[in-house]
Amino acid sequence: MSPRLDDLPTSLLCLVLDRFEAPELLRLACTCRKFHAIATDFGKTGQYWRRLYKRQYGLYYEYTCITNGEQLTSGGWKELYKKAFLATRREMQRKRQKRVTIIENDIRDVNREIRTLKEEANDLINQERSHSKLCLEIGRGRSAEVALKTWSPVSVSVWHKQVVEQAPCDPDTRMEDLQAKVKVTQLLLRKVLQRLETKKRKLSDLEESLQSAKS
């Protein structure tokens, strides 16, 4: 037969409860009358709160545990721990909110950078299409010139030659220039897309950090 809680000596239960922190002790005191009575006795004597305060806030113990050269009363230790606990919690909340604000600002900055990179990528895509289209048109012009030389009467060939000579540059030079621009544009586009993916991964990490900071 398992021993009941009432069968255990109070001194043993006091040693067990002394291992708990204040929030845990208060929750445990709500589970049964025995624990509640012992926790109440801890509050009356003040020894539990004194030990707990010294253990958690020992750095300031010598400066705060004595008032006007007199030892604090039992109720004073509990009140002192309460004030220190609330002050610590407020400080933790302030630091948490500060971290949340920093992450939210970083998220806004990254979103702005992502929008800029998307616009830059769209501009490069349109530029590449424009250059490729011009290359295609020049290629068709070359084919037409070959066809004119092969099949057209002399008068048509002469007219086409005059039109070509009036162009700012010859088709070959123009084609080489456009092909070089297409290659440069494609290279720039790849770099922009790589930066865009990096920013997206950073945004995902920041969103996870924000969720963790708020929880």
N, C-alpha and C. Protein backbone atom coordinates (compact mmCIF):
# COMPACT_ATOMS: atom_id res chain seq x y z
N MET A 1 0.84 -1.20 0.00
CA MET A 1 0.00 0.00 0.00
C MET A 1 0.88 1.25 0.00
N SER A 2 0.63 2.14 -0.91
CA SER A 2 1.44 3.34 -1.04
C SER A 2 1.15 4.29 0.12
N PRO A 3 2.19 4.94 0.64
CA PRO A 3 1.97 5.88 1.74
C PRO A 3 1.22 7.12 1.26
N ARG A 4 0.36 7.61 2.12
CA ARG A 4 -0.38 8.82 1.80
C ARG A 4 0.48 10.04 2.11
N LEU A 5 0.08 11.15 1.52
CA LEU A 5 0.84 12.37 1.73
C LEU A 5 0.81 12.80 3.20
N ASP A 6 -0.33 12.54 3.86
CA ASP A 6 -0.44 12.91 5.28
C ASP A 6 0.46 12.07 6.17
N ASP A 7 0.87 10.89 5.66
CA ASP A 7 1.72 10.02 6.47
C ASP A 7 3.17 10.50 6.50
N LEU A 8 3.56 11.32 5.56
CA LEU A 8 4.94 11.79 5.50
C LEU A 8 5.15 12.91 6.51
N PRO A 9 6.33 12.94 7.12
CA PRO A 9 6.60 14.00 8.11
C PRO A 9 6.66 15.38 7.44
N THR A 10 6.21 16.36 8.17
CA THR A 10 6.19 17.73 7.64
C THR A 10 7.59 18.23 7.31
N SER A 11 8.56 17.81 8.11
CA SER A 11 9.94 18.24 7.85
C SER A 11 10.43 17.77 6.49
N LEU A 12 10.05 16.52 6.13
CA LEU A 12 10.44 16.00 4.83
C LEU A 12 9.76 16.78 3.70
N LEU A 13 8.48 17.06 3.87
CA LEU A 13 7.76 17.83 2.86
C LEU A 13 8.32 19.24 2.74
N CYS A 14 8.76 19.79 3.85
CA CYS A 14 9.37 21.12 3.81
C CYS A 14 10.66 21.11 2.99
N LEU A 15 11.44 20.04 3.16
CA LEU A 15 12.67 19.92 2.37
C LEU A 15 12.36 19.80 0.89
N VAL A 16 11.30 19.05 0.57
CA VAL A 16 10.90 18.90 -0.83
C VAL A 16 10.44 20.22 -1.42
N LEU A 17 9.56 20.91 -0.69
CA LEU A 17 9.01 22.16 -1.18
C LEU A 17 10.07 23.25 -1.28
N ASP A 18 11.09 23.14 -0.48
CA ASP A 18 12.15 24.16 -0.50
C ASP A 18 12.93 24.13 -1.81
N ARG A 19 12.77 23.04 -2.57
CA ARG A 19 13.46 22.92 -3.85
C ARG A 19 12.74 23.69 -4.97
N PHE A 20 11.50 24.06 -4.72
CA PHE A 20 10.70 24.71 -5.76
C PHE A 20 10.89 26.21 -5.71
N GLU A 21 10.77 26.81 -6.89
CA GLU A 21 10.75 28.26 -6.97
C GLU A 21 9.37 28.77 -6.57
N ALA A 22 9.27 30.09 -6.39
CA ALA A 22 8.02 30.66 -5.88
C ALA A 22 6.82 30.36 -6.77
N PRO A 23 6.87 30.59 -8.08
CA PRO A 23 5.69 30.28 -8.91
C PRO A 23 5.29 28.81 -8.85
N GLU A 24 6.30 27.92 -8.84
CA GLU A 24 6.01 26.49 -8.77
C GLU A 24 5.40 26.13 -7.41
N LEU A 25 5.93 26.74 -6.36
CA LEU A 25 5.41 26.47 -5.01
C LEU A 25 3.95 26.89 -4.89
N LEU A 26 3.62 28.04 -5.45
CA LEU A 26 2.24 28.53 -5.36
C LEU A 26 1.29 27.62 -6.14
N ARG A 27 1.73 27.15 -7.29
CA ARG A 27 0.88 26.22 -8.06
C ARG A 27 0.72 24.90 -7.31
N LEU A 28 1.81 24.43 -6.70
CA LEU A 28 1.76 23.17 -5.96
C LEU A 28 0.87 23.30 -4.72
N ALA A 29 0.85 24.48 -4.11
CA ALA A 29 0.03 24.69 -2.91
C ALA A 29 -1.45 24.59 -3.22
N CYS A 30 -1.81 24.77 -4.48
CA CYS A 30 -3.23 24.68 -4.87
C CYS A 30 -3.68 23.25 -5.11
N THR A 31 -2.77 22.28 -5.08
CA THR A 31 -3.13 20.91 -5.41
C THR A 31 -3.77 20.17 -4.24
N CYS A 32 -3.36 20.49 -3.01
CA CYS A 32 -3.93 19.80 -1.85
C CYS A 32 -3.76 20.66 -0.60
N ARG A 33 -4.53 20.33 0.42
CA ARG A 33 -4.50 21.11 1.66
C ARG A 33 -3.16 21.00 2.37
N LYS A 34 -2.55 19.81 2.28
CA LYS A 34 -1.29 19.59 2.99
C LYS A 34 -0.21 20.53 2.46
N PHE A 35 -0.06 20.56 1.15
CA PHE A 35 0.93 21.45 0.56
C PHE A 35 0.57 22.91 0.83
N HIS A 36 -0.72 23.21 0.82
CA HIS A 36 -1.14 24.59 1.06
C HIS A 36 -0.78 25.02 2.48
N ALA A 37 -0.97 24.12 3.44
CA ALA A 37 -0.63 24.45 4.83
C ALA A 37 0.86 24.68 5.00
N ILE A 38 1.66 23.83 4.36
CA ILE A 38 3.11 23.97 4.49
C ILE A 38 3.58 25.25 3.81
N ALA A 39 3.03 25.53 2.61
CA ALA A 39 3.40 26.75 1.92
C ALA A 39 3.01 27.98 2.73
N THR A 40 1.86 27.89 3.40
CA THR A 40 1.44 29.00 4.26
C THR A 40 2.39 29.19 5.43
N ASP A 41 2.84 28.07 6.01
CA ASP A 41 3.82 28.15 7.10
C ASP A 41 5.12 28.78 6.62
N PHE A 42 5.51 28.44 5.38
CA PHE A 42 6.70 29.07 4.81
C PHE A 42 6.53 30.58 4.78
N GLY A 43 5.31 31.00 4.39
CA GLY A 43 5.07 32.44 4.31
C GLY A 43 5.08 33.09 5.68
N LYS A 44 4.61 32.37 6.69
CA LYS A 44 4.56 32.95 8.03
C LYS A 44 5.96 33.10 8.62
N THR A 45 6.77 32.08 8.47
CA THR A 45 8.11 32.14 9.05
C THR A 45 9.04 33.02 8.25
N GLY A 46 8.82 33.09 6.95
CA GLY A 46 9.67 33.93 6.11
C GLY A 46 10.96 33.28 5.70
N GLN A 47 11.27 32.08 6.23
CA GLN A 47 12.54 31.44 5.91
C GLN A 47 12.61 31.05 4.43
N TYR A 48 11.50 30.55 3.91
CA TYR A 48 11.50 30.15 2.50
C TYR A 48 11.78 31.35 1.61
N TRP A 49 11.05 32.44 1.86
CA TRP A 49 11.21 33.62 1.01
C TRP A 49 12.59 34.24 1.18
N ARG A 50 13.14 34.14 2.38
CA ARG A 50 14.48 34.66 2.61
C ARG A 50 15.51 33.88 1.81
N ARG A 51 15.42 32.54 1.89
CA ARG A 51 16.37 31.70 1.14
C ARG A 51 16.19 31.88 -0.36
N LEU A 52 14.92 31.96 -0.78
CA LEU A 52 14.66 32.12 -2.21
C LEU A 52 15.19 33.46 -2.73
N TYR A 53 14.98 34.50 -1.95
CA TYR A 53 15.47 35.82 -2.36
C TYR A 53 16.99 35.85 -2.43
N LYS A 54 17.62 35.26 -1.41
CA LYS A 54 19.08 35.26 -1.39
C LYS A 54 19.64 34.42 -2.53
N ARG A 55 18.96 33.32 -2.87
CA ARG A 55 19.44 32.45 -3.94
C ARG A 55 19.31 33.13 -5.31
N GLN A 56 18.22 33.83 -5.55
CA GLN A 56 17.97 34.41 -6.86
C GLN A 56 18.54 35.82 -7.01
N TYR A 57 18.56 36.57 -5.92
CA TYR A 57 19.01 37.95 -5.99
C TYR A 57 20.15 38.20 -5.01
N GLY A 58 21.00 37.22 -4.86
CA GLY A 58 22.09 37.31 -3.90
C GLY A 58 23.07 38.43 -4.21
N LEU A 59 23.13 38.85 -5.48
CA LEU A 59 24.05 39.91 -5.86
C LEU A 59 23.74 41.20 -5.10
N TYR A 60 22.46 41.43 -4.84
CA TYR A 60 22.05 42.64 -4.13
C TYR A 60 21.64 42.35 -2.68
N TYR A 61 21.99 41.17 -2.22
CA TYR A 61 21.50 40.74 -0.91
C TYR A 61 21.98 41.67 0.20
N GLU A 62 23.26 41.99 0.22
CA GLU A 62 23.82 42.78 1.31
C GLU A 62 23.25 44.20 1.34
N TYR A 63 22.72 44.66 0.18
CA TYR A 63 22.25 46.03 0.10
C TYR A 63 20.74 46.16 0.32
N THR A 64 20.02 45.05 0.21
CA THR A 64 18.56 45.15 0.25
C THR A 64 17.91 44.36 1.36
N CYS A 65 18.61 43.42 1.97
CA CYS A 65 17.96 42.57 2.96
C CYS A 65 17.88 43.22 4.33
N ILE A 66 18.63 44.28 4.55
CA ILE A 66 18.63 44.94 5.85
C ILE A 66 18.14 46.37 5.68
N THR A 67 17.20 46.77 6.51
CA THR A 67 16.66 48.12 6.46
C THR A 67 16.97 48.83 7.77
N ASN A 68 17.73 49.91 7.68
CA ASN A 68 18.10 50.68 8.88
C ASN A 68 18.78 49.81 9.93
N GLY A 69 19.57 48.85 9.47
CA GLY A 69 20.33 48.02 10.38
C GLY A 69 19.53 46.94 11.05
N GLU A 70 18.26 46.75 10.70
CA GLU A 70 17.43 45.73 11.31
C GLU A 70 17.04 44.68 10.27
N GLN A 71 16.98 43.41 10.71
CA GLN A 71 16.60 42.32 9.81
C GLN A 71 15.13 42.47 9.42
N LEU A 72 14.83 42.12 8.16
CA LEU A 72 13.45 42.21 7.70
C LEU A 72 12.57 41.20 8.43
N THR A 73 11.31 41.52 8.60
CA THR A 73 10.36 40.58 9.19
C THR A 73 10.00 39.51 8.18
N SER A 74 9.26 38.49 8.64
CA SER A 74 8.88 37.39 7.74
C SER A 74 8.06 37.90 6.56
N GLY A 75 7.09 38.77 6.83
CA GLY A 75 6.30 39.32 5.74
C GLY A 75 7.11 40.22 4.84
N GLY A 76 8.15 40.86 5.41
CA GLY A 76 9.00 41.73 4.61
C GLY A 76 9.79 40.99 3.56
N TRP A 77 10.22 39.76 3.89
CA TRP A 77 10.97 38.97 2.93
C TRP A 77 10.10 38.60 1.73
N LYS A 78 8.88 38.24 1.99
CA LYS A 78 7.97 37.89 0.89
C LYS A 78 7.70 39.11 0.02
N GLU A 79 7.48 40.24 0.65
CA GLU A 79 7.22 41.47 -0.11
C GLU A 79 8.46 41.90 -0.90
N LEU A 80 9.62 41.72 -0.29
CA LEU A 80 10.86 42.06 -0.98
C LEU A 80 11.07 41.17 -2.20
N TYR A 81 10.79 39.87 -2.03
CA TYR A 81 10.92 38.96 -3.17
C TYR A 81 9.92 39.33 -4.25
N LYS A 82 8.70 39.68 -3.86
CA LYS A 82 7.67 40.05 -4.83
C LYS A 82 8.10 41.25 -5.66
N LYS A 83 8.64 42.26 -4.99
CA LYS A 83 9.08 43.45 -5.71
C LYS A 83 10.22 43.13 -6.67
N ALA A 84 11.18 42.32 -6.18
CA ALA A 84 12.30 41.95 -7.05
C ALA A 84 11.83 41.10 -8.22
N PHE A 85 10.89 40.19 -7.96
CA PHE A 85 10.36 39.34 -9.02
C PHE A 85 9.64 40.17 -10.08
N LEU A 86 8.80 41.11 -9.66
CA LEU A 86 8.07 41.95 -10.61
C LEU A 86 9.02 42.85 -11.40
N ALA A 87 10.03 43.38 -10.71
CA ALA A 87 11.01 44.23 -11.40
C ALA A 87 11.77 43.43 -12.45
N THR A 88 12.14 42.20 -12.10
CA THR A 88 12.85 41.34 -13.05
C THR A 88 11.96 40.99 -14.23
N ARG A 89 10.69 40.70 -13.96
CA ARG A 89 9.77 40.36 -15.05
C ARG A 89 9.56 41.55 -15.98
N ARG A 90 9.43 42.76 -15.41
CA ARG A 90 9.28 43.94 -16.25
C ARG A 90 10.51 44.16 -17.12
N GLU A 91 11.68 43.92 -16.55
CA GLU A 91 12.91 44.08 -17.32
C GLU A 91 12.98 43.06 -18.46
N MET A 92 12.58 41.83 -18.18
CA MET A 92 12.56 40.80 -19.21
C MET A 92 11.56 41.15 -20.31
N GLN A 93 10.40 41.65 -19.92
CA GLN A 93 9.40 42.06 -20.91
C GLN A 93 9.91 43.22 -21.75
N ARG A 94 10.62 44.15 -21.11
CA ARG A 94 11.17 45.29 -21.86
C ARG A 94 12.21 44.82 -22.87
N LYS A 95 13.08 43.90 -22.45
CA LYS A 95 14.09 43.38 -23.36
C LYS A 95 13.45 42.58 -24.49
N ARG A 96 12.39 41.81 -24.15
CA ARG A 96 11.71 41.04 -25.18
C ARG A 96 11.04 41.96 -26.20
N GLN A 97 10.40 43.02 -25.72
CA GLN A 97 9.75 43.96 -26.62
C GLN A 97 10.77 44.69 -27.48
N LYS A 98 11.93 45.00 -26.90
CA LYS A 98 12.98 45.65 -27.66
C LYS A 98 13.48 44.74 -28.78
N ARG A 99 13.64 43.47 -28.46
CA ARG A 99 14.08 42.51 -29.48
C ARG A 99 13.02 42.36 -30.57
N VAL A 100 11.75 42.31 -30.17
CA VAL A 100 10.66 42.21 -31.14
C VAL A 100 10.67 43.42 -32.07
N THR A 101 10.87 44.61 -31.51
CA THR A 101 10.90 45.83 -32.33
C THR A 101 12.06 45.80 -33.32
N ILE A 102 13.22 45.35 -32.87
CA ILE A 102 14.38 45.27 -33.76
C ILE A 102 14.12 44.30 -34.90
N ILE A 103 13.54 43.14 -34.59
CA ILE A 103 13.26 42.14 -35.63
C ILE A 103 12.22 42.67 -36.61
N GLU A 104 11.18 43.34 -36.09
CA GLU A 104 10.15 43.90 -36.97
C GLU A 104 10.74 44.95 -37.91
N ASN A 105 11.65 45.78 -37.41
CA ASN A 105 12.32 46.76 -38.27
C ASN A 105 13.17 46.07 -39.33
N ASP A 106 13.87 45.00 -38.94
CA ASP A 106 14.67 44.24 -39.91
C ASP A 106 13.78 43.63 -40.98
N ILE A 107 12.61 43.14 -40.59
CA ILE A 107 11.69 42.54 -41.55
C ILE A 107 11.21 43.59 -42.55
N ARG A 108 10.90 44.79 -42.07
CA ARG A 108 10.48 45.86 -42.98
C ARG A 108 11.60 46.22 -43.95
N ASP A 109 12.84 46.28 -43.46
CA ASP A 109 13.97 46.59 -44.34
C ASP A 109 14.16 45.51 -45.40
N VAL A 110 14.07 44.25 -44.99
CA VAL A 110 14.26 43.15 -45.94
C VAL A 110 13.13 43.13 -46.97
N ASN A 111 11.90 43.38 -46.54
CA ASN A 111 10.78 43.44 -47.49
C ASN A 111 10.98 44.55 -48.51
N ARG A 112 11.49 45.69 -48.06
CA ARG A 112 11.77 46.79 -48.98
C ARG A 112 12.87 46.40 -49.97
N GLU A 113 13.91 45.73 -49.50
CA GLU A 113 14.98 45.28 -50.39
C GLU A 113 14.46 44.25 -51.38
N ILE A 114 13.57 43.37 -50.94
CA ILE A 114 12.99 42.36 -51.84
C ILE A 114 12.19 43.03 -52.94
N ARG A 115 11.38 44.03 -52.59
CA ARG A 115 10.60 44.75 -53.61
C ARG A 115 11.53 45.43 -54.62
N THR A 116 12.61 46.04 -54.14
CA THR A 116 13.56 46.69 -55.04
C THR A 116 14.22 45.69 -55.97
N LEU A 117 14.61 44.53 -55.44
CA LEU A 117 15.25 43.50 -56.26
C LEU A 117 14.28 42.94 -57.29
N LYS A 118 13.02 42.79 -56.92
CA LYS A 118 12.02 42.31 -57.89
C LYS A 118 11.84 43.30 -59.03
N GLU A 119 11.80 44.58 -58.70
CA GLU A 119 11.68 45.60 -59.74
C GLU A 119 12.91 45.60 -60.65
N GLU A 120 14.08 45.46 -60.04
CA GLU A 120 15.32 45.41 -60.83
C GLU A 120 15.34 44.18 -61.73
N ALA A 121 14.88 43.05 -61.20
CA ALA A 121 14.83 41.82 -62.00
C ALA A 121 13.86 41.97 -63.17
N ASN A 122 12.70 42.57 -62.93
CA ASN A 122 11.74 42.77 -64.02
C ASN A 122 12.30 43.69 -65.09
N ASP A 123 13.01 44.74 -64.69
CA ASP A 123 13.63 45.64 -65.67
C ASP A 123 14.66 44.90 -66.52
N LEU A 124 15.47 44.06 -65.87
CA LEU A 124 16.48 43.30 -66.62
C LEU A 124 15.84 42.29 -67.55
N ILE A 125 14.75 41.67 -67.11
CA ILE A 125 14.04 40.71 -67.97
C ILE A 125 13.49 41.42 -69.21
N ASN A 126 12.89 42.58 -69.02
CA ASN A 126 12.36 43.34 -70.16
C ASN A 126 13.49 43.80 -71.08
N GLN A 127 14.61 44.19 -70.49
CA GLN A 127 15.75 44.62 -71.29
C GLN A 127 16.30 43.46 -72.11
N GLU A 128 16.39 42.29 -71.49
CA GLU A 128 16.87 41.11 -72.22
C GLU A 128 15.93 40.76 -73.37
N ARG A 129 14.64 40.82 -73.13
CA ARG A 129 13.68 40.53 -74.19
C ARG A 129 13.81 41.52 -75.34
N SER A 130 14.01 42.80 -75.00
CA SER A 130 14.14 43.82 -76.03
C SER A 130 15.37 43.58 -76.89
N HIS A 131 16.51 43.30 -76.25
CA HIS A 131 17.73 43.03 -77.00
C HIS A 131 17.60 41.77 -77.85
N SER A 132 17.00 40.74 -77.27
CA SER A 132 16.83 39.49 -78.03
C SER A 132 15.92 39.69 -79.23
N LYS A 133 14.89 40.51 -79.05
CA LYS A 133 13.98 40.79 -80.15
C LYS A 133 14.69 41.54 -81.27
N LEU A 134 15.55 42.50 -80.91
CA LEU A 134 16.32 43.23 -81.92
C LEU A 134 17.28 42.30 -82.65
N CYS A 135 17.91 41.39 -81.90
CA CYS A 135 18.79 40.41 -82.54
C CYS A 135 18.03 39.57 -83.55
N LEU A 136 16.82 39.17 -83.18
CA LEU A 136 16.00 38.37 -84.08
C LEU A 136 15.63 39.15 -85.33
N GLU A 137 15.31 40.43 -85.16
CA GLU A 137 14.96 41.25 -86.32
C GLU A 137 16.16 41.46 -87.24
N ILE A 138 17.34 41.66 -86.64
CA ILE A 138 18.54 41.81 -87.46
C ILE A 138 18.83 40.52 -88.20
N GLY A 139 18.64 39.39 -87.52
CA GLY A 139 18.83 38.10 -88.20
C GLY A 139 17.88 37.93 -89.36
N ARG A 140 16.65 38.35 -89.19
CA ARG A 140 15.69 38.27 -90.29
C ARG A 140 16.10 39.21 -91.42
N GLY A 141 16.66 40.38 -91.05
CA GLY A 141 17.13 41.31 -92.08
C GLY A 141 18.26 40.71 -92.89
N ARG A 142 19.14 39.98 -92.23
CA ARG A 142 20.21 39.30 -92.95
C ARG A 142 19.65 38.29 -93.94
N SER A 143 18.68 37.52 -93.48
CA SER A 143 18.07 36.52 -94.37
C SER A 143 17.40 37.20 -95.56
N ALA A 144 16.75 38.33 -95.29
CA ALA A 144 16.10 39.05 -96.39
C ALA A 144 17.13 39.57 -97.38
N GLU A 145 18.28 40.02 -96.86
CA GLU A 145 19.33 40.53 -97.75
C GLU A 145 19.87 39.42 -98.64
N VAL A 146 20.06 38.25 -98.06
CA VAL A 146 20.52 37.11 -98.87
C VAL A 146 19.49 36.77 -99.94
N ALA A 147 18.22 36.80 -99.55
CA ALA A 147 17.16 36.50 -100.52
C ALA A 147 17.12 37.53 -101.63
N LEU A 148 17.34 38.81 -101.29
CA LEU A 148 17.33 39.86 -102.31
C LEU A 148 18.49 39.67 -103.29
N LYS A 149 19.66 39.33 -102.74
CA LYS A 149 20.81 39.12 -103.61
C LYS A 149 20.61 37.92 -104.53
N THR A 150 19.86 36.96 -104.05
CA THR A 150 19.71 35.72 -104.83
C THR A 150 18.58 35.80 -105.83
N TRP A 151 17.44 36.37 -105.40
CA TRP A 151 16.24 36.27 -106.22
C TRP A 151 15.74 37.60 -106.78
N SER A 152 16.13 38.72 -106.22
CA SER A 152 15.53 39.99 -106.62
C SER A 152 16.19 40.55 -107.87
N PRO A 153 15.45 41.35 -108.63
CA PRO A 153 16.04 42.05 -109.79
C PRO A 153 17.10 43.03 -109.32
N VAL A 154 17.88 43.51 -110.26
CA VAL A 154 18.98 44.41 -109.93
C VAL A 154 18.47 45.70 -109.29
N SER A 155 17.35 46.20 -109.77
CA SER A 155 16.82 47.47 -109.25
C SER A 155 16.44 47.34 -107.77
N VAL A 156 15.85 46.20 -107.39
CA VAL A 156 15.48 45.99 -105.99
C VAL A 156 16.72 45.84 -105.12
N SER A 157 17.74 45.13 -105.60
CA SER A 157 18.97 44.94 -104.84
C SER A 157 19.67 46.27 -104.61
N VAL A 158 19.68 47.12 -105.61
CA VAL A 158 20.31 48.44 -105.46
C VAL A 158 19.56 49.27 -104.42
N TRP A 159 18.23 49.20 -104.46
CA TRP A 159 17.43 49.96 -103.48
C TRP A 159 17.70 49.47 -102.06
N HIS A 160 17.76 48.16 -101.88
CA HIS A 160 18.02 47.59 -100.55
C HIS A 160 19.40 47.98 -100.06
N LYS A 161 20.39 48.00 -100.97
CA LYS A 161 21.75 48.38 -100.59
C LYS A 161 21.79 49.82 -100.11
N GLN A 162 21.04 50.71 -100.78
CA GLN A 162 21.00 52.11 -100.37
C GLN A 162 20.38 52.26 -98.98
N VAL A 163 19.33 51.48 -98.70
CA VAL A 163 18.69 51.54 -97.38
C VAL A 163 19.65 51.08 -96.29
N VAL A 164 20.38 50.00 -96.57
CA VAL A 164 21.33 49.47 -95.58
C VAL A 164 22.45 50.46 -95.32
N GLU A 165 22.93 51.12 -96.40
CA GLU A 165 24.03 52.07 -96.24
C GLU A 165 23.62 53.29 -95.42
N GLN A 166 22.32 53.61 -95.41
CA GLN A 166 21.85 54.75 -94.63
C GLN A 166 21.72 54.42 -93.13
N ALA A 167 21.80 53.16 -92.77
CA ALA A 167 21.71 52.75 -91.36
C ALA A 167 22.91 53.28 -90.58
N PRO A 168 22.77 53.53 -89.28
CA PRO A 168 23.87 54.08 -88.49
C PRO A 168 25.09 53.17 -88.42
N CYS A 169 24.90 51.86 -88.48
CA CYS A 169 26.02 50.92 -88.48
C CYS A 169 25.59 49.67 -89.22
N ASP A 170 26.55 48.87 -89.59
CA ASP A 170 26.23 47.67 -90.35
C ASP A 170 25.60 46.63 -89.43
N PRO A 171 24.81 45.71 -89.97
CA PRO A 171 24.09 44.71 -89.16
C PRO A 171 25.01 43.83 -88.32
N ASP A 172 26.18 43.49 -88.85
CA ASP A 172 27.08 42.62 -88.09
C ASP A 172 27.54 43.28 -86.79
N THR A 173 27.94 44.55 -86.91
CA THR A 173 28.37 45.28 -85.71
C THR A 173 27.23 45.43 -84.72
N ARG A 174 26.06 45.75 -85.26
CA ARG A 174 24.88 45.91 -84.41
C ARG A 174 24.52 44.61 -83.70
N MET A 175 24.62 43.49 -84.43
CA MET A 175 24.31 42.19 -83.86
C MET A 175 25.30 41.84 -82.74
N GLU A 176 26.59 42.07 -82.96
CA GLU A 176 27.59 41.78 -81.93
C GLU A 176 27.35 42.62 -80.68
N ASP A 177 27.01 43.89 -80.89
CA ASP A 177 26.75 44.77 -79.75
C ASP A 177 25.54 44.29 -78.94
N LEU A 178 24.48 43.91 -79.63
CA LEU A 178 23.28 43.44 -78.95
C LEU A 178 23.52 42.12 -78.23
N GLN A 179 24.26 41.21 -78.86
CA GLN A 179 24.57 39.94 -78.22
C GLN A 179 25.39 40.13 -76.95
N ALA A 180 26.33 41.08 -76.99
CA ALA A 180 27.12 41.38 -75.79
C ALA A 180 26.22 41.95 -74.69
N LYS A 181 25.28 42.81 -75.08
CA LYS A 181 24.37 43.37 -74.09
C LYS A 181 23.47 42.30 -73.49
N VAL A 182 23.05 41.34 -74.31
CA VAL A 182 22.21 40.25 -73.81
C VAL A 182 22.98 39.43 -72.77
N LYS A 183 24.24 39.14 -73.05
CA LYS A 183 25.04 38.36 -72.09
C LYS A 183 25.23 39.11 -70.77
N VAL A 184 25.53 40.40 -70.88
CA VAL A 184 25.70 41.20 -69.65
C VAL A 184 24.39 41.26 -68.87
N THR A 185 23.29 41.44 -69.58
CA THR A 185 21.99 41.51 -68.92
C THR A 185 21.65 40.20 -68.23
N GLN A 186 21.92 39.09 -68.88
CA GLN A 186 21.67 37.78 -68.27
C GLN A 186 22.52 37.56 -67.03
N LEU A 187 23.78 38.01 -67.09
CA LEU A 187 24.67 37.88 -65.92
C LEU A 187 24.15 38.72 -64.75
N LEU A 188 23.76 39.95 -65.04
CA LEU A 188 23.21 40.81 -63.99
C LEU A 188 21.92 40.23 -63.42
N LEU A 189 21.11 39.65 -64.29
CA LEU A 189 19.85 39.06 -63.84
C LEU A 189 20.09 37.88 -62.90
N ARG A 190 21.06 37.04 -63.22
CA ARG A 190 21.37 35.91 -62.35
C ARG A 190 21.82 36.39 -60.97
N LYS A 191 22.65 37.42 -60.95
CA LYS A 191 23.12 37.95 -59.66
C LYS A 191 21.96 38.54 -58.85
N VAL A 192 21.07 39.25 -59.53
CA VAL A 192 19.93 39.85 -58.83
C VAL A 192 19.03 38.76 -58.27
N LEU A 193 18.79 37.70 -59.05
CA LEU A 193 17.94 36.60 -58.58
C LEU A 193 18.58 35.87 -57.40
N GLN A 194 19.91 35.74 -57.43
CA GLN A 194 20.60 35.12 -56.30
C GLN A 194 20.45 35.96 -55.03
N ARG A 195 20.62 37.27 -55.18
CA ARG A 195 20.42 38.16 -54.03
C ARG A 195 18.98 38.11 -53.54
N LEU A 196 18.05 37.98 -54.47
CA LEU A 196 16.64 37.91 -54.10
C LEU A 196 16.35 36.66 -53.27
N GLU A 197 16.92 35.53 -53.68
CA GLU A 197 16.72 34.29 -52.91
C GLU A 197 17.36 34.40 -51.52
N THR A 198 18.53 35.04 -51.45
CA THR A 198 19.18 35.23 -50.15
C THR A 198 18.32 36.07 -49.22
N LYS A 199 17.73 37.13 -49.76
CA LYS A 199 16.86 38.00 -48.95
C LYS A 199 15.60 37.25 -48.52
N LYS A 200 15.08 36.40 -49.37
CA LYS A 200 13.89 35.63 -49.00
C LYS A 200 14.19 34.67 -47.86
N ARG A 201 15.36 34.03 -47.91
CA ARG A 201 15.75 33.14 -46.81
C ARG A 201 15.94 33.92 -45.51
N LYS A 202 16.55 35.10 -45.64
CA LYS A 202 16.73 35.94 -44.45
C LYS A 202 15.38 36.36 -43.87
N LEU A 203 14.43 36.68 -44.76
CA LEU A 203 13.09 37.06 -44.30
C LEU A 203 12.42 35.92 -43.56
N SER A 204 12.58 34.70 -44.08
CA SER A 204 11.99 33.54 -43.42
C SER A 204 12.60 33.33 -42.03
N ASP A 205 13.92 33.49 -41.92
CA ASP A 205 14.58 33.34 -40.61
C ASP A 205 14.11 34.42 -39.63
N LEU A 206 13.96 35.64 -40.13
CA LEU A 206 13.50 36.73 -39.25
C LEU A 206 12.08 36.49 -38.77
N GLU A 207 11.23 35.98 -39.64
CA GLU A 207 9.85 35.70 -39.23
C GLU A 207 9.80 34.62 -38.16
N GLU A 208 10.67 33.60 -38.29
CA GLU A 208 10.74 32.57 -37.25
C GLU A 208 11.26 33.15 -35.93
N SER A 209 12.26 34.02 -36.03
CA SER A 209 12.80 34.65 -34.82
C SER A 209 11.75 35.53 -34.15
N LEU A 210 10.96 36.22 -34.96
CA LEU A 210 9.91 37.08 -34.41
C LEU A 210 8.86 36.25 -33.68
N GLN A 211 8.47 35.14 -34.29
CA GLN A 211 7.49 34.27 -33.65
C GLN A 211 8.03 33.71 -32.34
N SER A 212 9.32 33.35 -32.34
CA SER A 212 9.93 32.82 -31.12
C SER A 212 10.03 33.90 -30.04
N ALA A 213 10.33 35.14 -30.45
CA ALA A 213 10.47 36.22 -29.48
C ALA A 213 9.14 36.60 -28.85
N LYS A 214 8.06 36.44 -29.59
CA LYS A 214 6.74 36.79 -29.07
C LYS A 214 6.15 35.71 -28.19
N SER A 215 6.63 34.47 -28.37
CA SER A 215 6.05 33.37 -27.60
C SER A 215 6.58 33.34 -26.17
